[in-house]
Amino acid sequence: MSDSILVATRKGLFTVERAAARPQGWKISRAEFLGDNISMVLADPRDGQRYAAFDHGHFGCKLHRSAGPGKSWEE
């Protein structure tokens, strides 16, 4: 079982990790793109890159990519 979950929401992208202090507890460890509608997120197990799909409504869909766990995003 994985110790982290990527959660795409209408309010941004969140990384939720298992809390070490509590065996059944989870905590939000990272929040990115706050206020943006993230429709889908993918962590590629082959090279560790992350992809986030945005739904900007009037402007259409955009795809962002990060080389690591959210270190730097590029469109």
PDB file of N, CA and C in Angstrom:
ATOM      1  N   MET A   1       0.838  -1.168   0.000  1.00  0.00           N
ATOM      2  CA  MET A   1       0.000   0.000   0.000  1.00  0.00           C
ATOM      3  C   MET A   1       0.889   1.238   0.000  1.00  0.00           C
ATOM      4  N   SER A   2       0.470   2.219  -0.757  1.00  0.00           N
ATOM      5  CA  SER A   2       1.231   3.454  -0.873  1.00  0.00           C
ATOM      6  C   SER A   2       1.073   4.319   0.379  1.00  0.00           C
ATOM      7  N   ASP A   3       2.086   5.113   0.648  1.00  0.00           N
ATOM      8  CA  ASP A   3       2.044   6.018   1.794  1.00  0.00           C
ATOM      9  C   ASP A   3       1.628   7.425   1.410  1.00  0.00           C
ATOM     10  N   SER A   4       1.325   7.654   0.118  1.00  0.00           N
ATOM     11  CA  SER A   4       0.872   8.978  -0.304  1.00  0.00           C
ATOM     12  C   SER A   4      -0.187   8.847  -1.393  1.00  0.00           C
ATOM     13  N   ILE A   5      -1.060   9.855  -1.437  1.00  0.00           N
ATOM     14  CA  ILE A   5      -2.165   9.895  -2.395  1.00  0.00           C
ATOM     15  C   ILE A   5      -2.169  11.287  -3.020  1.00  0.00           C
ATOM     16  N   LEU A   6      -2.332  11.354  -4.336  1.00  0.00           N
ATOM     17  CA  LEU A   6      -2.506  12.627  -5.027  1.00  0.00           C
ATOM     18  C   LEU A   6      -4.002  12.845  -5.206  1.00  0.00           C
ATOM     19  N   VAL A   7      -4.496  14.004  -4.769  1.00  0.00           N
ATOM     20  CA  VAL A   7      -5.924  14.306  -4.814  1.00  0.00           C
ATOM     21  C   VAL A   7      -6.138  15.548  -5.673  1.00  0.00           C
ATOM     22  N   ALA A   8      -6.857  15.369  -6.789  1.00  0.00           N
ATOM     23  CA  ALA A   8      -7.193  16.484  -7.677  1.00  0.00           C
ATOM     24  C   ALA A   8      -8.599  16.952  -7.343  1.00  0.00           C
ATOM     25  N   THR A   9      -8.751  18.258  -7.092  1.00  0.00           N
ATOM     26  CA  THR A   9     -10.052  18.811  -6.730  1.00  0.00           C
ATOM     27  C   THR A   9     -10.301  20.099  -7.505  1.00  0.00           C
ATOM     28  N   ARG A  10     -11.480  20.651  -7.321  1.00  0.00           N
ATOM     29  CA  ARG A  10     -11.799  21.952  -7.922  1.00  0.00           C
ATOM     30  C   ARG A  10     -11.075  23.078  -7.201  1.00  0.00           C
ATOM     31  N   LYS A  11     -10.469  22.785  -6.071  1.00  0.00           N
ATOM     32  CA  LYS A  11      -9.774  23.795  -5.269  1.00  0.00           C
ATOM     33  C   LYS A  11      -8.258  23.664  -5.319  1.00  0.00           C
ATOM     34  N   GLY A  12      -7.732  22.747  -6.126  1.00  0.00           N
ATOM     35  CA  GLY A  12      -6.288  22.598  -6.245  1.00  0.00           C
ATOM     36  C   GLY A  12      -5.845  21.148  -6.216  1.00  0.00           C
ATOM     37  N   LEU A  13      -4.542  20.979  -6.131  1.00  0.00           N
ATOM     38  CA  LEU A  13      -3.921  19.655  -6.077  1.00  0.00           C
ATOM     39  C   LEU A  13      -3.322  19.451  -4.695  1.00  0.00           C
ATOM     40  N   PHE A  14      -3.649  18.340  -4.059  1.00  0.00           N
ATOM     41  CA  PHE A  14      -3.189  18.072  -2.706  1.00  0.00           C
ATOM     42  C   PHE A  14      -2.472  16.728  -2.653  1.00  0.00           C
ATOM     43  N   THR A  15      -1.377  16.700  -1.913  1.00  0.00           N
ATOM     44  CA  THR A  15      -0.674  15.454  -1.624  1.00  0.00           C
ATOM     45  C   THR A  15      -0.992  15.084  -0.190  1.00  0.00           C
ATOM     46  N   VAL A  16      -1.563  13.908  -0.009  1.00  0.00           N
ATOM     47  CA  VAL A  16      -1.946  13.426   1.318  1.00  0.00           C
ATOM     48  C   VAL A  16      -1.031  12.259   1.661  1.00  0.00           C
ATOM     49  N   GLU A  17      -0.382  12.340   2.821  1.00  0.00           N
ATOM     50  CA  GLU A  17       0.550  11.287   3.234  1.00  0.00           C
ATOM     51  C   GLU A  17       0.124  10.680   4.562  1.00  0.00           C
ATOM     52  N   ARG A  18       0.510   9.436   4.734  1.00  0.00           N
ATOM     53  CA  ARG A  18       0.227   8.739   5.986  1.00  0.00           C
ATOM     54  C   ARG A  18       1.028   9.380   7.111  1.00  0.00           C
ATOM     55  N   ALA A  19       0.353   9.711   8.201  1.00  0.00           N
ATOM     56  CA  ALA A  19       1.014  10.332   9.355  1.00  0.00           C
ATOM     57  C   ALA A  19       1.769   9.259  10.133  1.00  0.00           C
ATOM     58  N   ALA A  20       3.013   9.539  10.457  1.00  0.00           N
ATOM     59  CA  ALA A  20       3.839   8.558  11.162  1.00  0.00           C
ATOM     60  C   ALA A  20       3.398   8.365  12.608  1.00  0.00           C
ATOM     61  N   ALA A  21       2.858   9.413  13.207  1.00  0.00           N
ATOM     62  CA  ALA A  21       2.479   9.342  14.623  1.00  0.00           C
ATOM     63  C   ALA A  21       1.260   8.453  14.845  1.00  0.00           C
ATOM     64  N   ARG A  22       0.332   8.462  13.890  1.00  0.00           N
ATOM     65  CA  ARG A  22      -0.882   7.669  14.031  1.00  0.00           C
ATOM     66  C   ARG A  22      -0.938   6.640  12.908  1.00  0.00           C
ATOM     67  N   PRO A  23      -1.096   5.365  13.205  1.00  0.00           N
ATOM     68  CA  PRO A  23      -1.095   4.353  12.146  1.00  0.00           C
ATOM     69  C   PRO A  23      -2.263   4.490  11.166  1.00  0.00           C
ATOM     70  N   GLN A  24      -3.394   4.999  11.605  1.00  0.00           N
ATOM     71  CA  GLN A  24      -4.549   5.156  10.721  1.00  0.00           C
ATOM     72  C   GLN A  24      -4.759   6.593  10.281  1.00  0.00           C
ATOM     73  N   GLY A  25      -3.831   7.480  10.595  1.00  0.00           N
ATOM     74  CA  GLY A  25      -4.020   8.897  10.298  1.00  0.00           C
ATOM     75  C   GLY A  25      -3.369   9.316   8.987  1.00  0.00           C
ATOM     76  N   TRP A  26      -3.968  10.296   8.345  1.00  0.00           N
ATOM     77  CA  TRP A  26      -3.457  10.878   7.112  1.00  0.00           C
ATOM     78  C   TRP A  26      -3.410  12.395   7.286  1.00  0.00           C
ATOM     79  N   LYS A  27      -2.499  13.058   6.588  1.00  0.00           N
ATOM     80  CA  LYS A  27      -2.416  14.514   6.671  1.00  0.00           C
ATOM     81  C   LYS A  27      -2.064  15.078   5.293  1.00  0.00           C
ATOM     82  N   ILE A  28      -2.491  16.310   5.040  1.00  0.00           N
ATOM     83  CA  ILE A  28      -2.149  16.991   3.802  1.00  0.00           C
ATOM     84  C   ILE A  28      -0.723  17.528   3.959  1.00  0.00           C
ATOM     85  N   SER A  29       0.182  17.032   3.130  1.00  0.00           N
ATOM     86  CA  SER A  29       1.575  17.446   3.255  1.00  0.00           C
ATOM     87  C   SER A  29       1.960  18.528   2.252  1.00  0.00           C
ATOM     88  N   ARG A  30       1.177  18.667   1.170  1.00  0.00           N
ATOM     89  CA  ARG A  30       1.504  19.660   0.146  1.00  0.00           C
ATOM     90  C   ARG A  30       0.235  20.107  -0.558  1.00  0.00           C
ATOM     91  N   ALA A  31       0.114  21.403  -0.781  1.00  0.00           N
ATOM     92  CA  ALA A  31      -1.014  21.971  -1.524  1.00  0.00           C
ATOM     93  C   ALA A  31      -0.453  22.815  -2.662  1.00  0.00           C
ATOM     94  N   GLU A  32      -0.925  22.549  -3.881  1.00  0.00           N
ATOM     95  CA  GLU A  32      -0.430  23.260  -5.048  1.00  0.00           C
ATOM     96  C   GLU A  32      -1.601  23.721  -5.908  1.00  0.00           C
ATOM     97  N   PHE A  33      -1.393  24.756  -6.672  1.00  0.00           N
ATOM     98  CA  PHE A  33      -2.397  25.303  -7.586  1.00  0.00           C
ATOM     99  C   PHE A  33      -3.697  25.646  -6.849  1.00  0.00           C
ATOM    100  N   LEU A  34      -3.581  26.274  -5.696  1.00  0.00           N
ATOM    101  CA  LEU A  34      -4.755  26.598  -4.899  1.00  0.00           C
ATOM    102  C   LEU A  34      -5.719  27.479  -5.689  1.00  0.00           C
ATOM    103  N   GLY A  35      -6.980  27.102  -5.713  1.00  0.00           N
ATOM    104  CA  GLY A  35      -8.020  27.839  -6.409  1.00  0.00           C
ATOM    105  C   GLY A  35      -8.217  27.429  -7.852  1.00  0.00           C
ATOM    106  N   ASP A  36      -7.337  26.576  -8.387  1.00  0.00           N
ATOM    107  CA  ASP A  36      -7.478  26.104  -9.767  1.00  0.00           C
ATOM    108  C   ASP A  36      -8.209  24.768  -9.793  1.00  0.00           C
ATOM    109  N   ASN A  37      -8.986  24.562 -10.856  1.00  0.00           N
ATOM    110  CA  ASN A  37      -9.736  23.321 -11.026  1.00  0.00           C
ATOM    111  C   ASN A  37      -8.823  22.287 -11.673  1.00  0.00           C
ATOM    112  N   ILE A  38      -8.374  21.312 -10.893  1.00  0.00           N
ATOM    113  CA  ILE A  38      -7.535  20.221 -11.393  1.00  0.00           C
ATOM    114  C   ILE A  38      -8.455  19.036 -11.658  1.00  0.00           C
ATOM    115  N   SER A  39      -8.575  18.657 -12.924  1.00  0.00           N
ATOM    116  CA  SER A  39      -9.515  17.595 -13.272  1.00  0.00           C
ATOM    117  C   SER A  39      -8.905  16.204 -13.161  1.00  0.00           C
ATOM    118  N   MET A  40      -7.579  16.092 -13.296  1.00  0.00           N
ATOM    119  CA  MET A  40      -6.951  14.781 -13.228  1.00  0.00           C
ATOM    120  C   MET A  40      -5.478  14.945 -12.867  1.00  0.00           C
ATOM    121  N   VAL A  41      -4.933  13.967 -12.169  1.00  0.00           N
ATOM    122  CA  VAL A  41      -3.513  13.982 -11.818  1.00  0.00           C
ATOM    123  C   VAL A  41      -2.963  12.565 -11.982  1.00  0.00           C
ATOM    124  N   LEU A  42      -1.699  12.476 -12.406  1.00  0.00           N
ATOM    125  CA  LEU A  42      -1.065  11.181 -12.634  1.00  0.00           C
ATOM    126  C   LEU A  42       0.380  11.250 -12.179  1.00  0.00           C
ATOM    127  N   ALA A  43       0.800  10.267 -11.415  1.00  0.00           N
ATOM    128  CA  ALA A  43       2.205  10.106 -11.054  1.00  0.00           C
ATOM    129  C   ALA A  43       2.733   8.942 -11.880  1.00  0.00           C
ATOM    130  N   ASP A  44       3.654   9.228 -12.788  1.00  0.00           N
ATOM    131  CA  ASP A  44       4.190   8.203 -13.679  1.00  0.00           C
ATOM    132  C   ASP A  44       5.229   7.378 -12.927  1.00  0.00           C
ATOM    133  N   PRO A  45       4.984   6.087 -12.713  1.00  0.00           N
ATOM    134  CA  PRO A  45       5.935   5.275 -11.945  1.00  0.00           C
ATOM    135  C   PRO A  45       7.233   4.998 -12.695  1.00  0.00           C
ATOM    136  N   ARG A  46       7.248   5.187 -14.016  1.00  0.00           N
ATOM    137  CA  ARG A  46       8.458   4.891 -14.793  1.00  0.00           C
ATOM    138  C   ARG A  46       9.575   5.880 -14.524  1.00  0.00           C
ATOM    139  N   ASP A  47       9.247   7.178 -14.454  1.00  0.00           N
ATOM    140  CA  ASP A  47      10.297   8.181 -14.285  1.00  0.00           C
ATOM    141  C   ASP A  47      10.026   9.173 -13.157  1.00  0.00           C
ATOM    142  N   GLY A  48       8.921   9.008 -12.434  1.00  0.00           N
ATOM    143  CA  GLY A  48       8.626   9.869 -11.293  1.00  0.00           C
ATOM    144  C   GLY A  48       8.004  11.210 -11.633  1.00  0.00           C
ATOM    145  N   GLN A  49       7.729  11.468 -12.906  1.00  0.00           N
ATOM    146  CA  GLN A  49       7.111  12.736 -13.272  1.00  0.00           C
ATOM    147  C   GLN A  49       5.647  12.735 -12.890  1.00  0.00           C
ATOM    148  N   ARG A  50       5.146  13.939 -12.636  1.00  0.00           N
ATOM    149  CA  ARG A  50       3.731  14.114 -12.307  1.00  0.00           C
ATOM    150  C   ARG A  50       3.074  14.973 -13.370  1.00  0.00           C
ATOM    151  N   TYR A  51       1.851  14.620 -13.711  1.00  0.00           N
ATOM    152  CA  TYR A  51       1.079  15.356 -14.692  1.00  0.00           C
ATOM    153  C   TYR A  51      -0.216  15.819 -14.041  1.00  0.00           C
ATOM    154  N   ALA A  52      -0.564  17.070 -14.266  1.00  0.00           N
ATOM    155  CA  ALA A  52      -1.804  17.634 -13.726  1.00  0.00           C
ATOM    156  C   ALA A  52      -2.575  18.277 -14.868  1.00  0.00           C
ATOM    157  N   ALA A  53      -3.836  17.884 -15.027  1.00  0.00           N
ATOM    158  CA  ALA A  53      -4.697  18.445 -16.070  1.00  0.00           C
ATOM    159  C   ALA A  53      -5.596  19.501 -15.438  1.00  0.00           C
ATOM    160  N   PHE A  54      -5.603  20.686 -16.040  1.00  0.00           N
ATOM    161  CA  PHE A  54      -6.404  21.810 -15.569  1.00  0.00           C
ATOM    162  C   PHE A  54      -7.628  21.961 -16.453  1.00  0.00           C
ATOM    163  N   ASP A  55      -8.737  22.347 -15.865  1.00  0.00           N
ATOM    164  CA  ASP A  55      -9.925  22.706 -16.627  1.00  0.00           C
ATOM    165  C   ASP A  55     -10.191  24.177 -16.351  1.00  0.00           C
ATOM    166  N   HIS A  56      -9.772  25.045 -17.287  1.00  0.00           N
ATOM    167  CA  HIS A  56      -9.889  26.486 -17.098  1.00  0.00           C
ATOM    168  C   HIS A  56     -11.213  27.053 -17.603  1.00  0.00           C
ATOM    169  N   GLY A  57     -12.170  26.201 -17.881  1.00  0.00           N
ATOM    170  CA  GLY A  57     -13.467  26.694 -18.321  1.00  0.00           C
ATOM    171  C   GLY A  57     -13.397  27.349 -19.680  1.00  0.00           C
ATOM    172  N   HIS A  58     -13.457  28.662 -19.702  1.00  0.00           N
ATOM    173  CA  HIS A  58     -13.479  29.423 -20.940  1.00  0.00           C
ATOM    174  C   HIS A  58     -12.211  29.229 -21.780  1.00  0.00           C
ATOM    175  N   PHE A  59     -11.059  29.083 -21.127  1.00  0.00           N
ATOM    176  CA  PHE A  59      -9.787  28.960 -21.834  1.00  0.00           C
ATOM    177  C   PHE A  59      -9.453  27.527 -22.223  1.00  0.00           C
ATOM    178  N   GLY A  60     -10.235  26.557 -21.786  1.00  0.00           N
ATOM    179  CA  GLY A  60     -10.011  25.162 -22.155  1.00  0.00           C
ATOM    180  C   GLY A  60      -9.100  24.437 -21.187  1.00  0.00           C
ATOM    181  N   CYS A  61      -8.642  23.281 -21.618  1.00  0.00           N
ATOM    182  CA  CYS A  61      -7.818  22.407 -20.775  1.00  0.00           C
ATOM    183  C   CYS A  61      -6.336  22.679 -20.990  1.00  0.00           C
ATOM    184  N   LYS A  62      -5.563  22.529 -19.935  1.00  0.00           N
ATOM    185  CA  LYS A  62      -4.110  22.691 -19.983  1.00  0.00           C
ATOM    186  C   LYS A  62      -3.483  21.515 -19.246  1.00  0.00           C
ATOM    187  N   LEU A  63      -2.272  21.154 -19.643  1.00  0.00           N
ATOM    188  CA  LEU A  63      -1.544  20.073 -19.004  1.00  0.00           C
ATOM    189  C   LEU A  63      -0.230  20.620 -18.465  1.00  0.00           C
ATOM    190  N   HIS A  64       0.037  20.356 -17.184  1.00  0.00           N
ATOM    191  CA  HIS A  64       1.290  20.768 -16.560  1.00  0.00           C
ATOM    192  C   HIS A  64       2.059  19.515 -16.164  1.00  0.00           C
ATOM    193  N   ARG A  65       3.398  19.637 -16.160  1.00  0.00           N
ATOM    194  CA  ARG A  65       4.251  18.508 -15.842  1.00  0.00           C
ATOM    195  C   ARG A  65       5.302  18.941 -14.830  1.00  0.00           C
ATOM    196  N   SER A  66       5.619  18.042 -13.906  1.00  0.00           N
ATOM    197  CA  SER A  66       6.649  18.299 -12.902  1.00  0.00           C
ATOM    198  C   SER A  66       7.655  17.159 -12.951  1.00  0.00           C
ATOM    199  N   ALA A  67       8.936  17.496 -12.886  1.00  0.00           N
ATOM    200  CA  ALA A  67       9.984  16.475 -12.929  1.00  0.00           C
ATOM    201  C   ALA A  67      10.080  15.687 -11.628  1.00  0.00           C
ATOM    202  N   GLY A  68       9.584  16.230 -10.555  1.00  0.00           N
ATOM    203  CA  GLY A  68       9.657  15.541  -9.268  1.00  0.00           C
ATOM    204  C   GLY A  68       8.364  15.731  -8.525  1.00  0.00           C
ATOM    205  N   PRO A  69       8.385  15.509  -7.243  1.00  0.00           N
ATOM    206  CA  PRO A  69       7.159  15.665  -6.461  1.00  0.00           C
ATOM    207  C   PRO A  69       6.777  17.140  -6.267  1.00  0.00           C
ATOM    208  N   GLY A  70       6.371  17.781  -7.344  1.00  0.00           N
ATOM    209  CA  GLY A  70       5.909  19.165  -7.270  1.00  0.00           C
ATOM    210  C   GLY A  70       6.991  20.197  -7.119  1.00  0.00           C
ATOM    211  N   LYS A  71       8.226  19.882  -7.482  1.00  0.00           N
ATOM    212  CA  LYS A  71       9.307  20.845  -7.292  1.00  0.00           C
ATOM    213  C   LYS A  71       9.166  22.040  -8.223  1.00  0.00           C
ATOM    214  N   SER A  72       8.989  21.777  -9.495  1.00  0.00           N
ATOM    215  CA  SER A  72       8.797  22.869 -10.448  1.00  0.00           C
ATOM    216  C   SER A  72       7.868  22.373 -11.542  1.00  0.00           C
ATOM    217  N   TRP A  73       6.863  23.154 -11.826  1.00  0.00           N
ATOM    218  CA  TRP A  73       5.862  22.770 -12.827  1.00  0.00           C
ATOM    219  C   TRP A  73       6.090  23.568 -14.093  1.00  0.00           C
ATOM    220  N   GLU A  74       5.873  22.925 -15.236  1.00  0.00           N
ATOM    221  CA  GLU A  74       5.933  23.618 -16.523  1.00  0.00           C
ATOM    222  C   GLU A  74       4.719  23.230 -17.342  1.00  0.00           C
ATOM    223  N   GLU A  75       4.259  24.166 -18.158  1.00  0.00           N
ATOM    224  CA  GLU A  75       3.058  23.941 -18.963  1.00  0.00           C
ATOM    225  C   GLU A  75       3.401  23.168 -20.208  1.00  0.00           C
TER     226      GLU A  75
END
